[in-house]
Structure formats: structure tokens, C-alpha cells
Amino acid sequence: YGKGLHGCTNSEVIELLQAYASTRIQAFFRGYKYRYKYNEVKRRFKKIMYIIKLSHYQAWLVLTRHNKFTKQYCWRKIVAWRFYVKRMKYLREYFRIGYWPFFVWRRYANQSGKAKEKAKFLITRVYPTLLLLKTYNQWKNYIISEVNIKNKIKYYNDKLEHK
């Protein structure tokens, strides 16, 4: 240990160093062809990935610019629209819970009241008039038939008298 040669001569050290260096150079050149091909493929792959990454970032840039402009110019309108939609939903729900039963009840009460009035009108005014008209028509038909019979009798009587 230390800086000495540990009992080795200079020629032995040089010989040992040359053997070690030649072994390392052989090992380096043994895998050089494979490393070169691997690095070449790695370079091509990095280039392709860079092109793909660039195209994705450009598309992303278009989208982020669109989102930025939308937010910059339309955000207040979107917030106002959201407020309006939430308010309308609340008012619809409030009307449905608070007023709809009364509205339906009032509509039903109006319809049933009108139906009762209509029935009363039909029974008190229309039905007696209809009955009266039917009676008059039947009397008229009866009288017409009686008059016809009397006229026939008179006609035959007159015929008999002239003979």
C-alpha cells in the first residue's frame, strides 16, 4: 500500500500495465459493434420521440390557447349563465313544492265546479225544454195523423154521398 511498487521491478509493472490495457481495449472493441448499433437505434428513437412530443405539444398549445381565450373572453358569461341556471332550478323547485299543489287543487276545484254547474244547467233548463219539444213533436205527429185520418174519412164519405 502506498506509492511504491511493492517489490516489483519497473519492467514487470510496465508489462502488467500493458496486459491490463490490452485486455481493456479488447473488451471495449468486443462490444463496440453492438454498442454502436444500440446507440444508433437509441438516437433514432429519441429523434422520433422528439418529433412526436413536438406534435403533441403543438396540439396542446392550440388547446391551451383556446382555453385561455375562452376563459379570458367568455368566463363572465359562463359564470352568469351558471348563476341563471341555478336560480331557475331553485325557482322551479320552489314553485313545484310551494305552489303546484295549490295550482292543481284550484284547477280541480274549477273543473268540478264547472261540471256541477253544467249538470245543474242541463237538469233545470235543457232537459225540461227537450222534454217539452219532444212532447210537442209527438202531439204534432198525432194531430197530423188524426187530421189525415179525418180527411180520408171525409173523402170516402163524400164519395159515397155522390153516388
Protein backbone atom coordinates (compact mmCIF):
# COMPACT_ATOMS: atom_id res chain seq x y z
CA TYR A 1 0.00 0.00 0.00
CA GLY A 2 1.25 3.45 -0.62
CA LYS A 3 3.06 4.85 -3.65
CA GLY A 4 5.74 2.24 -4.05
CA LEU A 5 5.89 -0.67 -6.44
CA HIS A 6 5.70 -3.25 -3.62
CA GLY A 7 8.72 -5.16 -4.63
CA CYS A 8 8.02 -5.22 -8.39
CA THR A 9 10.50 -4.04 -10.95
CA ASN A 10 9.75 -1.36 -13.49
CA SER A 11 9.63 -3.81 -16.37
CA GLU A 12 7.15 -6.02 -14.51
CA VAL A 13 4.93 -3.07 -13.79
CA ILE A 14 5.04 -1.97 -17.45
CA GLU A 15 4.32 -5.49 -18.61
CA LEU A 16 1.42 -5.79 -16.17
CA LEU A 17 0.07 -2.40 -17.27
CA GLN A 18 0.32 -3.33 -20.97
CA ALA A 19 -1.53 -6.63 -20.34
CA TYR A 20 -4.26 -4.88 -18.43
CA ALA A 21 -4.59 -2.14 -21.09
CA SER A 22 -4.72 -4.63 -23.94
CA THR A 23 -7.40 -6.64 -22.12
CA ARG A 24 -9.50 -3.50 -21.58
CA ILE A 25 -9.06 -2.37 -25.21
CA GLN A 26 -10.10 -5.83 -26.44
CA ALA A 27 -13.15 -5.76 -24.18
CA PHE A 28 -14.05 -2.28 -25.43
CA PHE A 29 -13.79 -3.24 -29.10
CA ARG A 30 -15.52 -6.58 -28.50
CA GLY A 31 -18.83 -4.83 -27.74
CA TYR A 32 -18.23 -1.77 -29.93
CA LYS A 33 -20.35 -3.00 -32.87
CA TYR A 34 -23.32 -3.83 -30.63
CA ARG A 35 -22.98 -0.60 -28.66
CA TYR A 36 -22.77 1.38 -31.88
CA LYS A 37 -25.98 -0.24 -33.24
CA TYR A 38 -27.71 0.21 -29.88
CA ASN A 39 -26.72 3.88 -29.69
CA GLU A 40 -27.81 4.41 -33.29
CA VAL A 41 -31.24 2.90 -32.53
CA LYS A 42 -31.41 4.97 -29.35
CA ARG A 43 -30.61 8.14 -31.34
CA ARG A 44 -33.29 7.33 -33.93
CA PHE A 45 -35.81 6.53 -31.21
CA LYS A 46 -35.03 9.82 -29.42
CA LYS A 47 -35.46 11.71 -32.69
CA ILE A 48 -38.83 10.04 -33.41
CA MET A 49 -39.97 10.64 -29.83
CA TYR A 50 -38.89 14.28 -30.10
CA ILE A 51 -40.99 14.71 -33.27
CA ILE A 52 -43.99 13.03 -31.60
CA LYS A 53 -43.52 15.11 -28.46
CA LEU A 54 -43.28 18.26 -30.56
CA SER A 55 -46.51 17.47 -32.43
CA HIS A 56 -48.30 16.71 -29.14
CA TYR A 57 -47.06 19.93 -27.55
CA GLN A 58 -48.16 21.92 -30.61
CA ALA A 59 -51.65 20.40 -30.41
CA TRP A 60 -51.66 21.06 -26.68
CA LEU A 61 -50.61 24.65 -27.36
CA VAL A 62 -53.65 25.14 -29.62
CA LEU A 63 -55.93 23.70 -26.95
CA THR A 64 -54.43 25.75 -24.12
CA ARG A 65 -54.64 28.94 -26.21
CA HIS A 66 -58.29 28.17 -26.93
CA ASN A 67 -58.97 27.55 -23.24
CA LYS A 68 -57.11 30.74 -22.29
CA PHE A 69 -59.09 32.86 -24.77
CA THR A 70 -62.35 31.21 -23.71
CA LYS A 71 -61.60 31.95 -20.09
CA GLN A 72 -60.45 35.46 -20.89
CA TYR A 73 -63.42 36.46 -23.04
CA CYS A 74 -66.28 34.15 -22.02
CA TRP A 75 -65.73 33.35 -18.35
CA ARG A 76 -68.03 36.08 -17.02
CA LYS A 77 -70.79 34.96 -19.37
CA ILE A 78 -70.34 31.34 -18.28
CA VAL A 79 -70.49 32.36 -14.62
CA ALA A 80 -73.59 34.46 -15.27
CA TRP A 81 -75.20 31.60 -17.19
CA ARG A 82 -74.39 29.19 -14.33
CA PHE A 83 -75.94 31.60 -11.83
CA TYR A 84 -79.02 31.93 -14.04
CA VAL A 85 -79.37 28.13 -14.43
CA LYS A 86 -79.01 27.53 -10.70
CA ARG A 87 -81.53 30.27 -9.94
CA MET A 88 -84.04 28.86 -12.45
CA LYS A 89 -83.62 25.39 -10.97
CA TYR A 90 -84.24 26.78 -7.49
CA LEU A 91 -87.33 28.70 -8.65
CA ARG A 92 -88.76 25.66 -10.46
CA GLU A 93 -88.24 23.54 -7.36
CA TYR A 94 -89.76 26.24 -5.16
CA PHE A 95 -92.79 26.55 -7.44
CA ARG A 96 -93.19 22.77 -7.63
CA ILE A 97 -93.10 22.34 -3.87
CA GLY A 98 -94.85 25.56 -2.83
CA TYR A 99 -97.43 26.39 -5.47
CA TRP A 100 -98.02 23.36 -7.66
CA PRO A 101 -100.34 21.55 -5.20
CA PHE A 102 -102.47 24.70 -4.87
CA PHE A 103 -102.46 25.18 -8.64
CA VAL A 104 -103.59 21.60 -9.23
CA TRP A 105 -106.18 21.84 -6.42
CA ARG A 106 -107.55 25.11 -7.85
CA ARG A 107 -107.72 23.59 -11.33
CA TYR A 108 -109.53 20.54 -9.97
CA ALA A 109 -111.91 22.71 -7.93
CA ASN A 110 -112.68 24.86 -11.00
CA GLN A 111 -113.31 21.79 -13.15
CA SER A 112 -115.54 20.11 -10.58
CA GLY A 113 -117.43 23.38 -10.00
CA LYS A 114 -117.97 23.80 -13.72
CA ALA A 115 -119.12 20.18 -14.00
CA LYS A 116 -121.67 20.73 -11.21
CA GLU A 117 -122.91 23.94 -12.82
CA LYS A 118 -123.17 22.20 -16.18
CA ALA A 119 -125.13 19.31 -14.66
CA LYS A 120 -127.46 21.73 -12.87
CA PHE A 121 -127.97 23.72 -16.08
CA LEU A 122 -128.71 20.55 -18.06
CA ILE A 123 -131.18 19.24 -15.47
CA THR A 124 -133.01 22.51 -14.75
CA ARG A 125 -133.01 24.21 -18.17
CA VAL A 126 -132.12 21.94 -21.06
CA TYR A 127 -133.83 18.68 -20.08
CA PRO A 128 -137.30 20.25 -19.45
CA THR A 129 -137.08 22.14 -22.74
CA LEU A 130 -136.04 18.97 -24.54
CA LEU A 131 -138.90 17.06 -22.92
CA LEU A 132 -141.33 19.83 -23.91
CA LEU A 133 -140.08 19.79 -27.52
CA LYS A 134 -140.40 16.02 -27.71
CA THR A 135 -143.93 16.25 -26.33
CA TYR A 136 -144.89 18.96 -28.82
CA ASN A 137 -143.42 16.93 -31.69
CA GLN A 138 -145.35 13.85 -30.62
CA TRP A 139 -148.58 15.89 -30.33
CA LYS A 140 -147.93 17.41 -33.72
CA ASN A 141 -147.39 13.98 -35.26
CA TYR A 142 -150.52 12.69 -33.54
CA ILE A 143 -152.61 15.61 -34.77
CA ILE A 144 -151.24 15.30 -38.30
CA SER A 145 -152.11 11.62 -38.35
CA GLU A 146 -155.61 12.35 -36.93
CA VAL A 147 -156.17 15.08 -39.50
CA ASN A 148 -155.07 12.69 -42.25
CA ILE A 149 -157.44 10.05 -41.00
CA LYS A 150 -160.32 12.58 -40.81
CA ASN A 151 -159.56 13.84 -44.31
CA LYS A 152 -159.56 10.29 -45.64
CA ILE A 153 -162.83 9.57 -43.90
CA LYS A 154 -164.36 12.77 -45.24
CA TYR A 155 -163.07 11.99 -48.73
CA TYR A 156 -164.61 8.50 -48.70
CA ASN A 157 -167.83 9.84 -47.17
CA ASP A 158 -168.09 12.47 -49.86
CA LYS A 159 -167.52 9.82 -52.49
CA LEU A 160 -170.25 7.68 -51.04
CA GLU A 161 -172.74 10.54 -50.90
CA HIS A 162 -172.29 11.49 -54.54
CA LYS A 163 -173.07 8.09 -55.81
